Amino acid sequence: MNEIKDDSNVWELRKGDVVIGTLDVHDQDMFWFTAHFTPTSEFEHYRSIFSEGRSFVSKSNNLEWAKWYDKINSFGMHMIRLHNQDTVSEFILYINDDEADFRPHFDKLR
């Protein structure tokens, strides 16, 4: 993995204008980002579903993973990269306490 030195790579997880959490990227490997995750109080509404996603990281149950992925994306959340306002509405996001791994689908930029 490549250590990222640029602290301008901060993303926000939002639902509408409501910030669910902030992701401060500190590492990148190809299309995956690793970040420090700082939740807002709004994250509590979604904590259990993101906790469920952690169980799929090392398993290969494609059907259950697809259901979880669809559930996450049905919330209507989006991610915004703050330094250039790039917005993605489709992504994979695993949150484990204060660490997160995510892969935005850049071909889905709005």
PDB file of N, CA and C in Angstrom:
ATOM      1  N   MET A   1       0.842  -1.188   0.000  1.00  0.00           N
ATOM      2  CA  MET A   1       0.000   0.000   0.000  1.00  0.00           C
ATOM      3  C   MET A   1       0.875   1.235   0.000  1.00  0.00           C
ATOM      4  N   ASN A   2       0.335   2.307  -0.534  1.00  0.00           N
ATOM      5  CA  ASN A   2       1.064   3.564  -0.615  1.00  0.00           C
ATOM      6  C   ASN A   2       0.568   4.522   0.453  1.00  0.00           C
ATOM      7  N   GLU A   3       1.477   5.028   1.255  1.00  0.00           N
ATOM      8  CA  GLU A   3       1.119   5.990   2.299  1.00  0.00           C
ATOM      9  C   GLU A   3       0.750   7.320   1.639  1.00  0.00           C
ATOM     10  N   ILE A   4      -0.384   7.861   2.006  1.00  0.00           N
ATOM     11  CA  ILE A   4      -0.841   9.128   1.441  1.00  0.00           C
ATOM     12  C   ILE A   4      -0.452  10.250   2.392  1.00  0.00           C
ATOM     13  N   LYS A   5       0.242  11.246   1.878  1.00  0.00           N
ATOM     14  CA  LYS A   5       0.701  12.372   2.694  1.00  0.00           C
ATOM     15  C   LYS A   5      -0.222  13.583   2.586  1.00  0.00           C
ATOM     16  N   ASP A   6      -1.087  13.603   1.586  1.00  0.00           N
ATOM     17  CA  ASP A   6      -1.945  14.748   1.324  1.00  0.00           C
ATOM     18  C   ASP A   6      -3.175  14.711   2.233  1.00  0.00           C
ATOM     19  N   ASP A   7      -3.238  15.605   3.226  1.00  0.00           N
ATOM     20  CA  ASP A   7      -4.372  15.582   4.135  1.00  0.00           C
ATOM     21  C   ASP A   7      -5.593  16.298   3.572  1.00  0.00           C
ATOM     22  N   SER A   8      -5.574  16.676   2.288  1.00  0.00           N
ATOM     23  CA  SER A   8      -6.761  17.266   1.690  1.00  0.00           C
ATOM     24  C   SER A   8      -7.723  16.189   1.192  1.00  0.00           C
ATOM     25  N   ASN A   9      -7.367  14.916   1.336  1.00  0.00           N
ATOM     26  CA  ASN A   9      -8.218  13.833   0.847  1.00  0.00           C
ATOM     27  C   ASN A   9      -9.208  13.407   1.931  1.00  0.00           C
ATOM     28  N   VAL A  10     -10.138  14.286   2.205  1.00  0.00           N
ATOM     29  CA  VAL A  10     -11.172  14.045   3.208  1.00  0.00           C
ATOM     30  C   VAL A  10     -12.506  13.917   2.484  1.00  0.00           C
ATOM     31  N   TRP A  11     -13.235  12.890   2.858  1.00  0.00           N
ATOM     32  CA  TRP A  11     -14.556  12.630   2.292  1.00  0.00           C
ATOM     33  C   TRP A  11     -15.599  12.764   3.396  1.00  0.00           C
ATOM     34  N   GLU A  12     -16.819  13.062   3.001  1.00  0.00           N
ATOM     35  CA  GLU A  12     -17.953  13.019   3.917  1.00  0.00           C
ATOM     36  C   GLU A  12     -18.960  12.013   3.392  1.00  0.00           C
ATOM     37  N   LEU A  13     -19.525  11.239   4.312  1.00  0.00           N
ATOM     38  CA  LEU A  13     -20.640  10.358   4.017  1.00  0.00           C
ATOM     39  C   LEU A  13     -21.893  11.134   4.399  1.00  0.00           C
ATOM     40  N   ARG A  14     -22.789  11.304   3.439  1.00  0.00           N
ATOM     41  CA  ARG A  14     -23.987  12.116   3.688  1.00  0.00           C
ATOM     42  C   ARG A  14     -25.255  11.408   3.215  1.00  0.00           C
ATOM     43  N   LYS A  15     -26.345  11.825   3.811  1.00  0.00           N
ATOM     44  CA  LYS A  15     -27.672  11.487   3.316  1.00  0.00           C
ATOM     45  C   LYS A  15     -28.372  12.825   3.146  1.00  0.00           C
ATOM     46  N   GLY A  16     -28.572  13.214   1.901  1.00  0.00           N
ATOM     47  CA  GLY A  16     -29.028  14.573   1.634  1.00  0.00           C
ATOM     48  C   GLY A  16     -27.941  15.537   2.078  1.00  0.00           C
ATOM     49  N   ASP A  17     -28.316  16.518   2.867  1.00  0.00           N
ATOM     50  CA  ASP A  17     -27.341  17.477   3.392  1.00  0.00           C
ATOM     51  C   ASP A  17     -26.813  17.082   4.770  1.00  0.00           C
ATOM     52  N   VAL A  18     -27.294  15.969   5.311  1.00  0.00           N
ATOM     53  CA  VAL A  18     -26.916  15.535   6.653  1.00  0.00           C
ATOM     54  C   VAL A  18     -25.624  14.731   6.584  1.00  0.00           C
ATOM     55  N   VAL A  19     -24.626  15.148   7.361  1.00  0.00           N
ATOM     56  CA  VAL A  19     -23.347  14.439   7.414  1.00  0.00           C
ATOM     57  C   VAL A  19     -23.479  13.262   8.377  1.00  0.00           C
ATOM     58  N   ILE A  20     -23.184  12.064   7.861  1.00  0.00           N
ATOM     59  CA  ILE A  20     -23.236  10.834   8.654  1.00  0.00           C
ATOM     60  C   ILE A  20     -21.872  10.579   9.307  1.00  0.00           C
ATOM     61  N   GLY A  21     -20.809  10.955   8.606  1.00  0.00           N
ATOM     62  CA  GLY A  21     -19.460  10.768   9.124  1.00  0.00           C
ATOM     63  C   GLY A  21     -18.429  11.348   8.172  1.00  0.00           C
ATOM     64  N   THR A  22     -17.211  11.471   8.681  1.00  0.00           N
ATOM     65  CA  THR A  22     -16.096  12.003   7.901  1.00  0.00           C
ATOM     66  C   THR A  22     -15.038  10.923   7.768  1.00  0.00           C
ATOM     67  N   LEU A  23     -14.456  10.822   6.575  1.00  0.00           N
ATOM     68  CA  LEU A  23     -13.424   9.832   6.294  1.00  0.00           C
ATOM     69  C   LEU A  23     -12.162  10.571   5.877  1.00  0.00           C
ATOM     70  N   ASP A  24     -11.128  10.448   6.698  1.00  0.00           N
ATOM     71  CA  ASP A  24      -9.846  11.097   6.433  1.00  0.00           C
ATOM     72  C   ASP A  24      -8.881  10.032   5.913  1.00  0.00           C
ATOM     73  N   VAL A  25      -8.664  10.026   4.616  1.00  0.00           N
ATOM     74  CA  VAL A  25      -7.900   8.970   3.955  1.00  0.00           C
ATOM     75  C   VAL A  25      -6.427   9.027   4.357  1.00  0.00           C
ATOM     76  N   HIS A  26      -5.889   7.861   4.724  1.00  0.00           N
ATOM     77  CA  HIS A  26      -4.468   7.788   5.064  1.00  0.00           C
ATOM     78  C   HIS A  26      -3.732   6.723   4.271  1.00  0.00           C
ATOM     79  N   ASP A  27      -4.459   5.972   3.435  1.00  0.00           N
ATOM     80  CA  ASP A  27      -3.795   4.940   2.644  1.00  0.00           C
ATOM     81  C   ASP A  27      -4.667   4.620   1.431  1.00  0.00           C
ATOM     82  N   GLN A  28      -4.012   4.168   0.366  1.00  0.00           N
ATOM     83  CA  GLN A  28      -4.731   3.790  -0.837  1.00  0.00           C
ATOM     84  C   GLN A  28      -4.035   2.608  -1.496  1.00  0.00           C
ATOM     85  N   ASP A  29      -4.829   1.662  -1.952  1.00  0.00           N
ATOM     86  CA  ASP A  29      -4.319   0.513  -2.679  1.00  0.00           C
ATOM     87  C   ASP A  29      -5.227   0.319  -3.886  1.00  0.00           C
ATOM     88  N   MET A  30      -4.719   0.733  -5.033  1.00  0.00           N
ATOM     89  CA  MET A  30      -5.502   0.713  -6.278  1.00  0.00           C
ATOM     90  C   MET A  30      -6.764   1.553  -6.077  1.00  0.00           C
ATOM     91  N   PHE A  31      -7.928   0.919  -6.154  1.00  0.00           N
ATOM     92  CA  PHE A  31      -9.185   1.659  -6.101  1.00  0.00           C
ATOM     93  C   PHE A  31      -9.798   1.720  -4.699  1.00  0.00           C
ATOM     94  N   TRP A  32      -9.113   1.130  -3.720  1.00  0.00           N
ATOM     95  CA  TRP A  32      -9.591   1.103  -2.342  1.00  0.00           C
ATOM     96  C   TRP A  32      -8.871   2.159  -1.520  1.00  0.00           C
ATOM     97  N   PHE A  33      -9.628   2.823  -0.668  1.00  0.00           N
ATOM     98  CA  PHE A  33      -9.092   3.820   0.247  1.00  0.00           C
ATOM     99  C   PHE A  33      -9.259   3.305   1.677  1.00  0.00           C
ATOM    100  N   THR A  34      -8.300   3.610   2.539  1.00  0.00           N
ATOM    101  CA  THR A  34      -8.405   3.332   3.966  1.00  0.00           C
ATOM    102  C   THR A  34      -8.382   4.681   4.674  1.00  0.00           C
ATOM    103  N   ALA A  35      -9.307   4.860   5.607  1.00  0.00           N
ATOM    104  CA  ALA A  35      -9.471   6.166   6.236  1.00  0.00           C
ATOM    105  C   ALA A  35      -9.790   6.037   7.711  1.00  0.00           C
ATOM    106  N   HIS A  36      -9.475   7.096   8.432  1.00  0.00           N
ATOM    107  CA  HIS A  36      -9.946   7.235   9.808  1.00  0.00           C
ATOM    108  C   HIS A  36     -11.394   7.719   9.702  1.00  0.00           C
ATOM    109  N   PHE A  37     -12.320   7.034  10.390  1.00  0.00           N
ATOM    110  CA  PHE A  37     -13.733   7.378  10.319  1.00  0.00           C
ATOM    111  C   PHE A  37     -14.167   8.084  11.592  1.00  0.00           C
ATOM    112  N   THR A  38     -14.767   9.252  11.427  1.00  0.00           N
ATOM    113  CA  THR A  38     -15.316  10.010  12.553  1.00  0.00           C
ATOM    114  C   THR A  38     -16.825  10.128  12.343  1.00  0.00           C
ATOM    115  N   PRO A  39     -17.611   9.388  13.123  1.00  0.00           N
ATOM    116  CA  PRO A  39     -19.065   9.428  12.942  1.00  0.00           C
ATOM    117  C   PRO A  39     -19.680  10.675  13.574  1.00  0.00           C
ATOM    118  N   THR A  40     -20.818  11.074  13.039  1.00  0.00           N
ATOM    119  CA  THR A  40     -21.645  12.072  13.705  1.00  0.00           C
ATOM    120  C   THR A  40     -22.726  11.295  14.466  1.00  0.00           C
ATOM    121  N   SER A  41     -23.558  11.991  15.193  1.00  0.00           N
ATOM    122  CA  SER A  41     -24.636  11.313  15.922  1.00  0.00           C
ATOM    123  C   SER A  41     -25.610  10.629  14.958  1.00  0.00           C
ATOM    124  N   GLU A  42     -25.701  11.098  13.724  1.00  0.00           N
ATOM    125  CA  GLU A  42     -26.577  10.490  12.724  1.00  0.00           C
ATOM    126  C   GLU A  42     -26.148   9.077  12.347  1.00  0.00           C
ATOM    127  N   PHE A  43     -24.882   8.759  12.555  1.00  0.00           N
ATOM    128  CA  PHE A  43     -24.382   7.434  12.204  1.00  0.00           C
ATOM    129  C   PHE A  43     -25.066   6.343  13.023  1.00  0.00           C
ATOM    130  N   GLU A  44     -25.532   6.650  14.216  1.00  0.00           N
ATOM    131  CA  GLU A  44     -26.164   5.645  15.084  1.00  0.00           C
ATOM    132  C   GLU A  44     -27.328   4.953  14.389  1.00  0.00           C
ATOM    133  N   HIS A  45     -28.019   5.651  13.506  1.00  0.00           N
ATOM    134  CA  HIS A  45     -29.145   5.054  12.770  1.00  0.00           C
ATOM    135  C   HIS A  45     -28.675   3.929  11.837  1.00  0.00           C
ATOM    136  N   TYR A  46     -27.407   3.951  11.457  1.00  0.00           N
ATOM    137  CA  TYR A  46     -26.880   3.028  10.450  1.00  0.00           C
ATOM    138  C   TYR A  46     -25.778   2.107  10.992  1.00  0.00           C
ATOM    139  N   ARG A  47     -25.410   2.279  12.228  1.00  0.00           N
ATOM    140  CA  ARG A  47     -24.284   1.525  12.793  1.00  0.00           C
ATOM    141  C   ARG A  47     -24.456   0.015  12.622  1.00  0.00           C
ATOM    142  N   SER A  48     -25.631  -0.515  12.889  1.00  0.00           N
ATOM    143  CA  SER A  48     -25.817  -1.971  12.843  1.00  0.00           C
ATOM    144  C   SER A  48     -25.651  -2.522  11.429  1.00  0.00           C
ATOM    145  N   ILE A  49     -26.105  -1.810  10.435  1.00  0.00           N
ATOM    146  CA  ILE A  49     -25.970  -2.306   9.062  1.00  0.00           C
ATOM    147  C   ILE A  49     -24.511  -2.262   8.615  1.00  0.00           C
ATOM    148  N   PHE A  50     -23.780  -1.230   9.016  1.00  0.00           N
ATOM    149  CA  PHE A  50     -22.358  -1.195   8.678  1.00  0.00           C
ATOM    150  C   PHE A  50     -21.587  -2.257   9.464  1.00  0.00           C
ATOM    151  N   SER A  51     -21.992  -2.537  10.690  1.00  0.00           N
ATOM    152  CA  SER A  51     -21.362  -3.617  11.465  1.00  0.00           C
ATOM    153  C   SER A  51     -21.592  -4.956  10.778  1.00  0.00           C
ATOM    154  N   GLU A  52     -22.780  -5.151  10.236  1.00  0.00           N
ATOM    155  CA  GLU A  52     -23.084  -6.375   9.501  1.00  0.00           C
ATOM    156  C   GLU A  52     -22.132  -6.549   8.309  1.00  0.00           C
ATOM    157  N   GLY A  53     -21.795  -5.465   7.650  1.00  0.00           N
ATOM    158  CA  GLY A  53     -20.916  -5.517   6.490  1.00  0.00           C
ATOM    159  C   GLY A  53     -19.516  -6.012   6.805  1.00  0.00           C
ATOM    160  N   ARG A  54     -19.058  -5.797   8.036  1.00  0.00           N
ATOM    161  CA  ARG A  54     -17.716  -6.266   8.422  1.00  0.00           C
ATOM    162  C   ARG A  54     -17.589  -7.776   8.275  1.00  0.00           C
ATOM    163  N   SER A  55     -18.687  -8.495   8.461  1.00  0.00           N
ATOM    164  CA  SER A  55     -18.629  -9.954   8.379  1.00  0.00           C
ATOM    165  C   SER A  55     -18.402 -10.447   6.955  1.00  0.00           C
ATOM    166  N   PHE A  56     -18.620  -9.594   5.966  1.00  0.00           N
ATOM    167  CA  PHE A  56     -18.460 -10.012   4.571  1.00  0.00           C
ATOM    168  C   PHE A  56     -17.056  -9.761   4.024  1.00  0.00           C
ATOM    169  N   VAL A  57     -16.227  -9.057   4.767  1.00  0.00           N
ATOM    170  CA  VAL A  57     -14.904  -8.703   4.265  1.00  0.00           C
ATOM    171  C   VAL A  57     -14.080  -9.932   3.927  1.00  0.00           C
ATOM    172  N   SER A  58     -14.114 -10.948   4.762  1.00  0.00           N
ATOM    173  CA  SER A  58     -13.263 -12.119   4.519  1.00  0.00           C
ATOM    174  C   SER A  58     -14.045 -13.357   4.088  1.00  0.00           C
ATOM    175  N   LYS A  59     -15.332 -13.215   3.834  1.00  0.00           N
ATOM    176  CA  LYS A  59     -16.146 -14.352   3.422  1.00  0.00           C
ATOM    177  C   LYS A  59     -16.511 -14.218   1.946  1.00  0.00           C
ATOM    178  N   SER A  60     -16.923 -15.304   1.363  1.00  0.00           N
ATOM    179  CA  SER A  60     -17.269 -15.273  -0.057  1.00  0.00           C
ATOM    180  C   SER A  60     -18.723 -15.647  -0.297  1.00  0.00           C
ATOM    181  N   ASN A  61     -19.606 -15.208   0.564  1.00  0.00           N
ATOM    182  CA  ASN A  61     -21.030 -15.457   0.391  1.00  0.00           C
ATOM    183  C   ASN A  61     -21.612 -14.344  -0.483  1.00  0.00           C
ATOM    184  N   ASN A  62     -21.567 -14.550  -1.778  1.00  0.00           N
ATOM    185  CA  ASN A  62     -21.958 -13.499  -2.718  1.00  0.00           C
ATOM    186  C   ASN A  62     -23.405 -13.071  -2.601  1.00  0.00           C
ATOM    187  N   LEU A  63     -24.302 -14.003  -2.328  1.00  0.00           N
ATOM    188  CA  LEU A  63     -25.714 -13.656  -2.225  1.00  0.00           C
ATOM    189  C   LEU A  63     -25.970 -12.750  -1.022  1.00  0.00           C
ATOM    190  N   GLU A  64     -25.437 -13.114   0.140  1.00  0.00           N
ATOM    191  CA  GLU A  64     -25.626 -12.287   1.335  1.00  0.00           C
ATOM    192  C   GLU A  64     -24.937 -10.929   1.182  1.00  0.00           C
ATOM    193  N   TRP A  65     -23.729 -10.924   0.581  1.00  0.00           N
ATOM    194  CA  TRP A  65     -23.029  -9.664   0.355  1.00  0.00           C
ATOM    195  C   TRP A  65     -23.845  -8.761  -0.562  1.00  0.00           C
ATOM    196  N   ALA A  66     -24.420  -9.318  -1.613  1.00  0.00           N
ATOM    197  CA  ALA A  66     -25.226  -8.524  -2.554  1.00  0.00           C
ATOM    198  C   ALA A  66     -26.440  -7.915  -1.863  1.00  0.00           C
ATOM    199  N   LYS A  67     -27.069  -8.675  -0.984  1.00  0.00           N
ATOM    200  CA  LYS A  67     -28.221  -8.142  -0.227  1.00  0.00           C
ATOM    201  C   LYS A  67     -27.781  -6.983   0.657  1.00  0.00           C
ATOM    202  N   TRP A  68     -26.637  -7.168   1.343  1.00  0.00           N
ATOM    203  CA  TRP A  68     -26.110  -6.105   2.202  1.00  0.00           C
ATOM    204  C   TRP A  68     -25.771  -4.867   1.372  1.00  0.00           C
ATOM    205  N   TYR A  69     -25.088  -5.053   0.254  1.00  0.00           N
ATOM    206  CA  TYR A  69     -24.705  -3.951  -0.639  1.00  0.00           C
ATOM    207  C   TYR A  69     -25.943  -3.192  -1.120  1.00  0.00           C
ATOM    208  N   ASP A  70     -26.976  -3.919  -1.525  1.00  0.00           N
ATOM    209  CA  ASP A  70     -28.218  -3.278  -1.967  1.00  0.00           C
ATOM    210  C   ASP A  70     -28.858  -2.485  -0.832  1.00  0.00           C
ATOM    211  N   LYS A  71     -28.797  -3.044   0.387  1.00  0.00           N
ATOM    212  CA  LYS A  71     -29.376  -2.355   1.548  1.00  0.00           C
ATOM    213  C   LYS A  71     -28.648  -1.029   1.795  1.00  0.00           C
ATOM    214  N   ILE A  72     -27.311  -1.075   1.788  1.00  0.00           N
ATOM    215  CA  ILE A  72     -26.525   0.146   2.001  1.00  0.00           C
ATOM    216  C   ILE A  72     -26.874   1.195   0.945  1.00  0.00           C
ATOM    217  N   ASN A  73     -26.921   0.775  -0.302  1.00  0.00           N
ATOM    218  CA  ASN A  73     -27.181   1.720  -1.384  1.00  0.00           C
ATOM    219  C   ASN A  73     -28.640   2.163  -1.465  1.00  0.00           C
ATOM    220  N   SER A  74     -29.554   1.458  -0.786  1.00  0.00           N
ATOM    221  CA  SER A  74     -30.959   1.875  -0.781  1.00  0.00           C
ATOM    222  C   SER A  74     -31.210   3.058   0.155  1.00  0.00           C
ATOM    223  N   PHE A  75     -30.251   3.375   1.023  1.00  0.00           N
ATOM    224  CA  PHE A  75     -30.423   4.494   1.961  1.00  0.00           C
ATOM    225  C   PHE A  75     -30.322   5.851   1.275  1.00  0.00           C
ATOM    226  N   GLY A  76     -29.837   5.881   0.056  1.00  0.00           N
ATOM    227  CA  GLY A  76     -29.711   7.150  -0.655  1.00  0.00           C
ATOM    228  C   GLY A  76     -28.561   8.008  -0.161  1.00  0.00           C
ATOM    229  N   MET A  77     -27.537   7.365   0.390  1.00  0.00           N
ATOM    230  CA  MET A  77     -26.365   8.111   0.846  1.00  0.00           C
ATOM    231  C   MET A  77     -25.453   8.410  -0.335  1.00  0.00           C
ATOM    232  N   HIS A  78     -24.586   9.362  -0.129  1.00  0.00           N
ATOM    233  CA  HIS A  78     -23.559   9.658  -1.115  1.00  0.00           C
ATOM    234  C   HIS A  78     -22.294  10.076  -0.379  1.00  0.00           C
ATOM    235  N   MET A  79     -21.192  10.021  -1.103  1.00  0.00           N
ATOM    236  CA  MET A  79     -19.913  10.430  -0.540  1.00  0.00           C
ATOM    237  C   MET A  79     -19.397  11.606  -1.355  1.00  0.00           C
ATOM    238  N   ILE A  80     -18.823  12.579  -0.651  1.00  0.00           N
ATOM    239  CA  ILE A  80     -18.282  13.773  -1.298  1.00  0.00           C
ATOM    240  C   ILE A  80     -16.822  13.928  -0.907  1.00  0.00           C
ATOM    241  N   ARG A  81     -15.971  14.037  -1.914  1.00  0.00           N
ATOM    242  CA  ARG A  81     -14.561  14.345  -1.654  1.00  0.00           C
ATOM    243  C   ARG A  81     -14.493  15.865  -1.528  1.00  0.00           C
ATOM    244  N   LEU A  82     -14.147  16.357  -0.354  1.00  0.00           N
ATOM    245  CA  LEU A  82     -14.294  17.775  -0.045  1.00  0.00           C
ATOM    246  C   LEU A  82     -13.409  18.696  -0.869  1.00  0.00           C
ATOM    247  N   HIS A  83     -12.191  18.298  -1.204  1.00  0.00           N
ATOM    248  CA  HIS A  83     -11.298  19.250  -1.870  1.00  0.00           C
ATOM    249  C   HIS A  83     -11.718  19.570  -3.302  1.00  0.00           C
ATOM    250  N   ASN A  84     -12.492  18.701  -3.956  1.00  0.00           N
ATOM    251  CA  ASN A  84     -12.932  19.026  -5.316  1.00  0.00           C
ATOM    252  C   ASN A  84     -14.434  18.813  -5.521  1.00  0.00           C
ATOM    253  N   GLN A  85     -15.134  18.440  -4.459  1.00  0.00           N
ATOM    254  CA  GLN A  85     -16.583  18.242  -4.463  1.00  0.00           C
ATOM    255  C   GLN A  85     -17.045  17.099  -5.368  1.00  0.00           C
ATOM    256  N   ASP A  86     -16.137  16.161  -5.719  1.00  0.00           N
ATOM    257  CA  ASP A  86     -16.567  14.968  -6.442  1.00  0.00           C
ATOM    258  C   ASP A  86     -17.573  14.228  -5.571  1.00  0.00           C
ATOM    259  N   THR A  87     -18.655  13.781  -6.180  1.00  0.00           N
ATOM    260  CA  THR A  87     -19.711  13.097  -5.453  1.00  0.00           C
ATOM    261  C   THR A  87     -19.969  11.740  -6.095  1.00  0.00           C
ATOM    262  N   VAL A  88     -20.026  10.716  -5.275  1.00  0.00           N
ATOM    263  CA  VAL A  88     -20.388   9.383  -5.757  1.00  0.00           C
ATOM    264  C   VAL A  88     -21.602   8.902  -4.974  1.00  0.00           C
ATOM    265  N   SER A  89     -22.529   8.304  -5.688  1.00  0.00           N
ATOM    266  CA  SER A  89     -23.726   7.801  -5.025  1.00  0.00           C
ATOM    267  C   SER A  89     -23.739   6.281  -4.957  1.00  0.00           C
ATOM    268  N   GLU A  90     -22.724   5.648  -5.525  1.00  0.00           N
ATOM    269  CA  GLU A  90     -22.592   4.199  -5.419  1.00  0.00           C
ATOM    270  C   GLU A  90     -21.183   3.891  -4.943  1.00  0.00           C
ATOM    271  N   PHE A  91     -21.096   3.063  -3.900  1.00  0.00           N
ATOM    272  CA  PHE A  91     -19.802   2.788  -3.280  1.00  0.00           C
ATOM    273  C   PHE A  91     -19.907   1.551  -2.412  1.00  0.00           C
ATOM    274  N   ILE A  92     -18.749   1.002  -2.084  1.00  0.00           N
ATOM    275  CA  ILE A  92     -18.640  -0.052  -1.076  1.00  0.00           C
ATOM    276  C   ILE A  92     -17.944   0.597   0.116  1.00  0.00           C
ATOM    277  N   LEU A  93     -18.493   0.418   1.304  1.00  0.00           N
ATOM    278  CA  LEU A  93     -17.937   1.051   2.493  1.00  0.00           C
ATOM    279  C   LEU A  93     -18.035   0.094   3.672  1.00  0.00           C
ATOM    280  N   TYR A  94     -16.883  -0.290   4.189  1.00  0.00           N
ATOM    281  CA  TYR A  94     -16.812  -1.112   5.396  1.00  0.00           C
ATOM    282  C   TYR A  94     -16.298  -0.222   6.524  1.00  0.00           C
ATOM    283  N   ILE A  95     -17.009  -0.217   7.644  1.00  0.00           N
ATOM    284  CA  ILE A  95     -16.603   0.590   8.791  1.00  0.00           C
ATOM    285  C   ILE A  95     -16.373  -0.339   9.965  1.00  0.00           C
ATOM    286  N   ASN A  96     -15.203  -0.213  10.579  1.00  0.00           N
ATOM    287  CA  ASN A  96     -14.851  -0.994  11.755  1.00  0.00           C
ATOM    288  C   ASN A  96     -14.364  -0.020  12.825  1.00  0.00           C
ATOM    289  N   ASP A  97     -15.270   0.353  13.707  1.00  0.00           N
ATOM    290  CA  ASP A  97     -14.989   1.353  14.745  1.00  0.00           C
ATOM    291  C   ASP A  97     -14.540   2.660  14.094  1.00  0.00           C
ATOM    292  N   ASP A  98     -13.264   3.045  14.280  1.00  0.00           N
ATOM    293  CA  ASP A  98     -12.830   4.331  13.724  1.00  0.00           C
ATOM    294  C   ASP A  98     -12.014   4.177  12.443  1.00  0.00           C
ATOM    295  N   GLU A  99     -12.031   2.977  11.855  1.00  0.00           N
ATOM    296  CA  GLU A  99     -11.350   2.740  10.580  1.00  0.00           C
ATOM    297  C   GLU A  99     -12.376   2.364   9.523  1.00  0.00           C
ATOM    298  N   ALA A 100     -12.124   2.789   8.305  1.00  0.00           N
ATOM    299  CA  ALA A 100     -13.033   2.474   7.208  1.00  0.00           C
ATOM    300  C   ALA A 100     -12.237   2.150   5.957  1.00  0.00           C
ATOM    301  N   ASP A 101     -12.757   1.232   5.190  1.00  0.00           N
ATOM    302  CA  ASP A 101     -12.237   0.926   3.865  1.00  0.00           C
ATOM    303  C   ASP A 101     -13.372   1.179   2.893  1.00  0.00           C
ATOM    304  N   PHE A 102     -13.066   1.888   1.821  1.00  0.00           N
ATOM    305  CA  PHE A 102     -14.126   2.157   0.860  1.00  0.00           C
ATOM    306  C   PHE A 102     -13.600   2.205  -0.560  1.00  0.00           C
ATOM    307  N   ARG A 103     -14.525   1.924  -1.453  1.00  0.00           N
ATOM    308  CA  ARG A 103     -14.236   1.975  -2.876  1.00  0.00           C
ATOM    309  C   ARG A 103     -15.374   2.721  -3.546  1.00  0.00           C
ATOM    310  N   PRO A 104     -15.125   3.964  -3.922  1.00  0.00           N
ATOM    311  CA  PRO A 104     -16.158   4.713  -4.648  1.00  0.00           C
ATOM    312  C   PRO A 104     -16.204   4.247  -6.095  1.00  0.00           C
ATOM    313  N   HIS A 105     -17.363   4.266  -6.672  1.00  0.00           N
ATOM    314  CA  HIS A 105     -17.526   3.915  -8.080  1.00  0.00           C
ATOM    315  C   HIS A 105     -17.466   5.223  -8.870  1.00  0.00           C
ATOM    316  N   PHE A 106     -16.257   5.574  -9.287  1.00  0.00           N
ATOM    317  CA  PHE A 106     -16.033   6.872  -9.937  1.00  0.00           C
ATOM    318  C   PHE A 106     -16.776   7.021 -11.232  1.00  0.00           C
ATOM    319  N   ASP A 107     -17.152   5.931 -11.872  1.00  0.00           N
ATOM    320  CA  ASP A 107     -17.927   6.055 -13.088  1.00  0.00           C
ATOM    321  C   ASP A 107     -19.361   6.481 -12.793  1.00  0.00           C
ATOM    322  N   LYS A 108     -19.692   6.580 -11.508  1.00  0.00           N
ATOM    323  CA  LYS A 108     -21.022   7.002 -11.080  1.00  0.00           C
ATOM    324  C   LYS A 108     -21.003   8.424 -10.526  1.00  0.00           C
ATOM    325  N   LEU A 109     -19.988   9.210 -10.860  1.00  0.00           N
ATOM    326  CA  LEU A 109     -19.914  10.594 -10.361  1.00  0.00           C
ATOM    327  C   LEU A 109     -21.138  11.373 -10.809  1.00  0.00           C
ATOM    328  N   ARG A 110     -21.650  12.214  -9.911  1.00  0.00           N
ATOM    329  CA  ARG A 110     -22.760  13.085 -10.292  1.00  0.00           C
ATOM    330  C   ARG A 110     -22.219  14.483 -10.485  1.00  0.00           C
TER     331      ARG A 110
END
